[in-house]
Amino acid sequence: MDTLVFFKYLAVMAGVTYLIRMIPLVLFKKKITNQFIESFLYYIPYAVLGAMTFPAIFFSTYSIIAAICGCIIAIILAWFEKSLLTVAALASLTCLIINFLIK
């Protein structure tokens, strides 16, 4: 790739990233008092994280069965409010064991 093209792409990416963070600060100078908007904005990071993570769960292993078993274990452990490390470790271990048993 040409160095000039790389720096053009880099400048556009940096500009877009900066605008995404700067525009809300410029538009909303007062504190948001509307309860609906406040609660909507509160849950946005969780929704985006879920939308990015959940599909990746099913394509992270060679076997969809292992992925489903790991997802079920993660959901159960999260339901019982276990720590993030415990949920991730046991879900990964479940996928590893199921993959080992299938092969």
N, C-alpha and C. Protein backbone atom coordinates (compact mmCIF):
# COMPACT_ATOMS: atom_id res chain seq x y z
N MET A 1 0.86 -1.18 0.00
CA MET A 1 0.00 0.00 0.00
C MET A 1 0.90 1.23 0.00
N ASP A 2 0.50 2.20 -0.77
CA ASP A 2 1.24 3.45 -0.86
C ASP A 2 1.14 4.22 0.47
N THR A 3 2.24 4.83 0.87
CA THR A 3 2.27 5.55 2.14
C THR A 3 1.30 6.72 2.15
N LEU A 4 1.17 7.42 1.05
CA LEU A 4 0.27 8.56 0.97
C LEU A 4 -1.19 8.12 1.14
N VAL A 5 -1.55 7.01 0.51
CA VAL A 5 -2.90 6.48 0.63
C VAL A 5 -3.17 6.07 2.09
N PHE A 6 -2.17 5.44 2.72
CA PHE A 6 -2.31 5.03 4.12
C PHE A 6 -2.60 6.23 5.01
N PHE A 7 -1.85 7.32 4.83
CA PHE A 7 -2.06 8.50 5.68
C PHE A 7 -3.38 9.19 5.38
N LYS A 8 -3.86 9.10 4.15
CA LYS A 8 -5.20 9.63 3.84
C LYS A 8 -6.26 8.84 4.60
N TYR A 9 -6.16 7.51 4.54
CA TYR A 9 -7.11 6.65 5.26
C TYR A 9 -7.04 6.91 6.76
N LEU A 10 -5.82 7.05 7.27
CA LEU A 10 -5.62 7.31 8.69
C LEU A 10 -6.26 8.63 9.10
N ALA A 11 -6.11 9.67 8.28
CA ALA A 11 -6.69 10.98 8.58
C ALA A 11 -8.22 10.91 8.59
N VAL A 12 -8.80 10.21 7.62
CA VAL A 12 -10.26 10.08 7.57
C VAL A 12 -10.76 9.31 8.79
N MET A 13 -10.08 8.22 9.14
CA MET A 13 -10.48 7.43 10.29
C MET A 13 -10.37 8.25 11.59
N ALA A 14 -9.30 9.00 11.74
CA ALA A 14 -9.12 9.82 12.94
C ALA A 14 -10.19 10.91 12.99
N GLY A 15 -10.50 11.52 11.85
CA GLY A 15 -11.52 12.56 11.81
C GLY A 15 -12.90 12.03 12.18
N VAL A 16 -13.26 10.89 11.63
CA VAL A 16 -14.56 10.30 11.93
C VAL A 16 -14.64 9.92 13.41
N THR A 17 -13.58 9.31 13.92
CA THR A 17 -13.56 8.93 15.34
C THR A 17 -13.68 10.15 16.24
N TYR A 18 -12.99 11.22 15.90
CA TYR A 18 -13.05 12.45 16.69
C TYR A 18 -14.45 13.07 16.62
N LEU A 19 -15.05 13.11 15.43
CA LEU A 19 -16.39 13.70 15.28
C LEU A 19 -17.44 12.95 16.08
N ILE A 20 -17.34 11.63 16.10
CA ILE A 20 -18.30 10.83 16.86
C ILE A 20 -18.26 11.18 18.34
N ARG A 21 -17.09 11.48 18.84
CA ARG A 21 -16.96 11.81 20.26
C ARG A 21 -17.21 13.29 20.55
N MET A 22 -16.96 14.14 19.57
CA MET A 22 -17.06 15.58 19.80
C MET A 22 -18.49 16.11 19.62
N ILE A 23 -19.23 15.59 18.68
CA ILE A 23 -20.56 16.12 18.36
C ILE A 23 -21.50 16.09 19.57
N PRO A 24 -21.59 15.00 20.34
CA PRO A 24 -22.48 15.05 21.51
C PRO A 24 -22.08 16.10 22.54
N LEU A 25 -20.79 16.33 22.68
CA LEU A 25 -20.34 17.35 23.64
C LEU A 25 -20.72 18.75 23.20
N VAL A 26 -20.75 18.98 21.89
CA VAL A 26 -21.12 20.29 21.38
C VAL A 26 -22.63 20.48 21.40
N LEU A 27 -23.38 19.44 21.05
CA LEU A 27 -24.84 19.57 20.95
C LEU A 27 -25.54 19.60 22.30
N PHE A 28 -25.04 18.84 23.27
CA PHE A 28 -25.71 18.74 24.56
C PHE A 28 -24.87 19.42 25.63
N LYS A 29 -25.10 20.71 25.81
CA LYS A 29 -24.33 21.45 26.80
C LYS A 29 -24.97 21.38 28.19
N LYS A 30 -26.29 21.22 28.23
CA LYS A 30 -26.98 21.13 29.51
C LYS A 30 -27.08 19.67 29.95
N LYS A 31 -27.36 19.48 31.21
CA LYS A 31 -27.57 18.13 31.72
C LYS A 31 -28.89 17.59 31.17
N ILE A 32 -28.89 16.33 30.77
CA ILE A 32 -30.09 15.70 30.25
C ILE A 32 -31.00 15.36 31.43
N THR A 33 -32.21 15.91 31.40
CA THR A 33 -33.15 15.70 32.51
C THR A 33 -34.30 14.78 32.13
N ASN A 34 -34.51 14.53 30.85
CA ASN A 34 -35.58 13.65 30.41
C ASN A 34 -35.24 12.22 30.83
N GLN A 35 -36.10 11.61 31.62
CA GLN A 35 -35.83 10.29 32.17
C GLN A 35 -35.77 9.22 31.09
N PHE A 36 -36.61 9.33 30.06
CA PHE A 36 -36.60 8.35 28.98
C PHE A 36 -35.28 8.39 28.22
N ILE A 37 -34.82 9.57 27.85
CA ILE A 37 -33.56 9.71 27.12
C ILE A 37 -32.39 9.28 27.99
N GLU A 38 -32.44 9.62 29.25
CA GLU A 38 -31.37 9.25 30.17
C GLU A 38 -31.26 7.72 30.31
N SER A 39 -32.40 7.05 30.46
CA SER A 39 -32.37 5.60 30.58
C SER A 39 -31.99 4.95 29.25
N PHE A 40 -32.41 5.53 28.12
CA PHE A 40 -32.03 5.04 26.80
C PHE A 40 -30.51 5.10 26.63
N LEU A 41 -29.93 6.23 26.96
CA LEU A 41 -28.48 6.39 26.83
C LEU A 41 -27.72 5.51 27.82
N TYR A 42 -28.32 5.21 28.94
CA TYR A 42 -27.68 4.35 29.93
C TYR A 42 -27.47 2.93 29.40
N TYR A 43 -28.46 2.42 28.65
CA TYR A 43 -28.42 1.04 28.18
C TYR A 43 -27.75 0.86 26.82
N ILE A 44 -27.41 1.93 26.14
CA ILE A 44 -26.76 1.83 24.82
C ILE A 44 -25.47 1.01 24.86
N PRO A 45 -24.54 1.25 25.79
CA PRO A 45 -23.31 0.45 25.77
C PRO A 45 -23.56 -1.05 25.95
N TYR A 46 -24.52 -1.42 26.78
CA TYR A 46 -24.82 -2.83 26.99
C TYR A 46 -25.42 -3.45 25.73
N ALA A 47 -26.29 -2.72 25.06
CA ALA A 47 -26.90 -3.23 23.83
C ALA A 47 -25.86 -3.40 22.73
N VAL A 48 -24.98 -2.43 22.59
CA VAL A 48 -23.94 -2.50 21.55
C VAL A 48 -22.98 -3.64 21.86
N LEU A 49 -22.58 -3.77 23.11
CA LEU A 49 -21.67 -4.85 23.49
C LEU A 49 -22.32 -6.21 23.23
N GLY A 50 -23.58 -6.34 23.56
CA GLY A 50 -24.28 -7.59 23.29
C GLY A 50 -24.40 -7.89 21.81
N ALA A 51 -24.71 -6.86 21.03
CA ALA A 51 -24.84 -7.05 19.58
C ALA A 51 -23.51 -7.41 18.93
N MET A 52 -22.42 -6.95 19.50
CA MET A 52 -21.11 -7.28 18.94
C MET A 52 -20.60 -8.64 19.44
N THR A 53 -20.91 -9.00 20.66
CA THR A 53 -20.36 -10.21 21.27
C THR A 53 -21.18 -11.45 20.94
N PHE A 54 -22.49 -11.35 21.00
CA PHE A 54 -23.33 -12.54 20.90
C PHE A 54 -23.14 -13.31 19.59
N PRO A 55 -23.11 -12.66 18.42
CA PRO A 55 -22.87 -13.44 17.19
C PRO A 55 -21.48 -14.09 17.16
N ALA A 56 -20.50 -13.44 17.77
CA ALA A 56 -19.14 -13.99 17.77
C ALA A 56 -19.05 -15.27 18.59
N ILE A 57 -19.95 -15.45 19.54
CA ILE A 57 -19.95 -16.66 20.36
C ILE A 57 -20.14 -17.89 19.48
N PHE A 58 -21.03 -17.81 18.53
CA PHE A 58 -21.39 -18.98 17.73
C PHE A 58 -20.40 -19.28 16.61
N PHE A 59 -19.52 -18.34 16.29
CA PHE A 59 -18.54 -18.57 15.24
C PHE A 59 -17.12 -18.66 15.79
N SER A 60 -16.99 -18.78 17.11
CA SER A 60 -15.66 -18.80 17.72
C SER A 60 -15.08 -20.21 17.81
N THR A 61 -15.89 -21.23 17.60
CA THR A 61 -15.40 -22.61 17.67
C THR A 61 -15.70 -23.30 16.35
N TYR A 62 -15.14 -24.49 16.21
CA TYR A 62 -15.39 -25.28 15.00
C TYR A 62 -16.76 -25.95 15.05
N SER A 63 -17.30 -26.08 16.24
CA SER A 63 -18.56 -26.79 16.41
C SER A 63 -19.62 -25.85 16.97
N ILE A 64 -20.74 -25.77 16.30
CA ILE A 64 -21.84 -24.93 16.77
C ILE A 64 -22.43 -25.51 18.06
N ILE A 65 -22.34 -26.83 18.22
CA ILE A 65 -22.85 -27.47 19.43
C ILE A 65 -22.05 -27.03 20.65
N ALA A 66 -20.73 -26.99 20.51
CA ALA A 66 -19.87 -26.53 21.61
C ALA A 66 -20.15 -25.06 21.93
N ALA A 67 -20.37 -24.26 20.91
CA ALA A 67 -20.66 -22.84 21.13
C ALA A 67 -21.98 -22.67 21.86
N ILE A 68 -22.97 -23.43 21.48
CA ILE A 68 -24.28 -23.34 22.14
C ILE A 68 -24.17 -23.79 23.60
N CYS A 69 -23.43 -24.87 23.86
CA CYS A 69 -23.25 -25.34 25.24
C CYS A 69 -22.52 -24.29 26.09
N GLY A 70 -21.48 -23.69 25.53
CA GLY A 70 -20.76 -22.64 26.25
C GLY A 70 -21.63 -21.44 26.52
N CYS A 71 -22.47 -21.09 25.55
CA CYS A 71 -23.37 -19.95 25.71
C CYS A 71 -24.41 -20.24 26.80
N ILE A 72 -24.92 -21.44 26.82
CA ILE A 72 -25.90 -21.82 27.85
C ILE A 72 -25.28 -21.76 29.24
N ILE A 73 -24.06 -22.28 29.36
CA ILE A 73 -23.36 -22.23 30.65
C ILE A 73 -23.13 -20.77 31.06
N ALA A 74 -22.72 -19.94 30.12
CA ALA A 74 -22.47 -18.52 30.43
C ALA A 74 -23.75 -17.83 30.88
N ILE A 75 -24.86 -18.11 30.23
CA ILE A 75 -26.13 -17.49 30.60
C ILE A 75 -26.56 -17.94 31.99
N ILE A 76 -26.42 -19.23 32.27
CA ILE A 76 -26.80 -19.75 33.60
C ILE A 76 -25.94 -19.11 34.69
N LEU A 77 -24.63 -19.08 34.48
CA LEU A 77 -23.74 -18.50 35.49
C LEU A 77 -23.99 -17.01 35.67
N ALA A 78 -24.24 -16.31 34.57
CA ALA A 78 -24.53 -14.88 34.67
C ALA A 78 -25.86 -14.65 35.39
N TRP A 79 -26.82 -15.53 35.17
CA TRP A 79 -28.12 -15.42 35.84
C TRP A 79 -27.96 -15.51 37.36
N PHE A 80 -27.02 -16.36 37.79
CA PHE A 80 -26.77 -16.50 39.22
C PHE A 80 -25.70 -15.53 39.72
N GLU A 81 -25.43 -14.50 38.93
CA GLU A 81 -24.56 -13.37 39.29
C GLU A 81 -23.15 -13.78 39.69
N LYS A 82 -22.57 -14.72 38.94
CA LYS A 82 -21.18 -15.09 39.15
C LYS A 82 -20.29 -14.02 38.53
N SER A 83 -19.03 -14.00 38.90
CA SER A 83 -18.12 -12.96 38.39
C SER A 83 -17.84 -13.16 36.90
N LEU A 84 -17.41 -12.11 36.27
CA LEU A 84 -17.12 -12.15 34.84
C LEU A 84 -16.03 -13.17 34.54
N LEU A 85 -15.02 -13.23 35.38
CA LEU A 85 -13.93 -14.19 35.17
C LEU A 85 -14.44 -15.62 35.28
N THR A 86 -15.30 -15.89 36.23
CA THR A 86 -15.86 -17.23 36.40
C THR A 86 -16.72 -17.61 35.20
N VAL A 87 -17.55 -16.70 34.75
CA VAL A 87 -18.42 -16.97 33.61
C VAL A 87 -17.59 -17.25 32.36
N ALA A 88 -16.62 -16.40 32.09
CA ALA A 88 -15.79 -16.56 30.89
C ALA A 88 -14.97 -17.84 30.95
N ALA A 89 -14.38 -18.12 32.10
CA ALA A 89 -13.53 -19.31 32.23
C ALA A 89 -14.34 -20.60 32.08
N LEU A 90 -15.49 -20.67 32.75
CA LEU A 90 -16.28 -21.90 32.69
C LEU A 90 -16.97 -22.09 31.34
N ALA A 91 -17.36 -21.01 30.71
CA ALA A 91 -17.94 -21.12 29.36
C ALA A 91 -16.87 -21.59 28.37
N SER A 92 -15.67 -21.04 28.49
CA SER A 92 -14.57 -21.47 27.61
C SER A 92 -14.20 -22.92 27.87
N LEU A 93 -14.14 -23.30 29.13
CA LEU A 93 -13.83 -24.68 29.48
C LEU A 93 -14.90 -25.64 28.95
N THR A 94 -16.15 -25.23 29.02
CA THR A 94 -17.24 -26.05 28.48
C THR A 94 -17.07 -26.25 26.99
N CYS A 95 -16.75 -25.18 26.27
CA CYS A 95 -16.53 -25.29 24.82
C CYS A 95 -15.35 -26.21 24.52
N LEU A 96 -14.29 -26.09 25.29
CA LEU A 96 -13.11 -26.93 25.09
C LEU A 96 -13.44 -28.40 25.31
N ILE A 97 -14.16 -28.69 26.38
CA ILE A 97 -14.52 -30.08 26.68
C ILE A 97 -15.45 -30.66 25.62
N ILE A 98 -16.45 -29.89 25.21
CA ILE A 98 -17.38 -30.37 24.18
C ILE A 98 -16.65 -30.59 22.86
N ASN A 99 -15.76 -29.68 22.48
CA ASN A 99 -14.98 -29.86 21.25
C ASN A 99 -14.12 -31.12 21.34
N PHE A 100 -13.53 -31.36 22.52
CA PHE A 100 -12.72 -32.56 22.71
C PHE A 100 -13.57 -33.82 22.61
N LEU A 101 -14.76 -33.81 23.18
CA LEU A 101 -15.65 -34.98 23.14
C LEU A 101 -16.19 -35.25 21.74
N ILE A 102 -16.43 -34.20 20.98
CA ILE A 102 -16.98 -34.37 19.63
C ILE A 102 -15.94 -34.97 18.69
N LYS A 103 -14.70 -34.53 18.83
CA LYS A 103 -13.64 -35.06 17.94
C LYS A 103 -13.20 -36.36 18.44
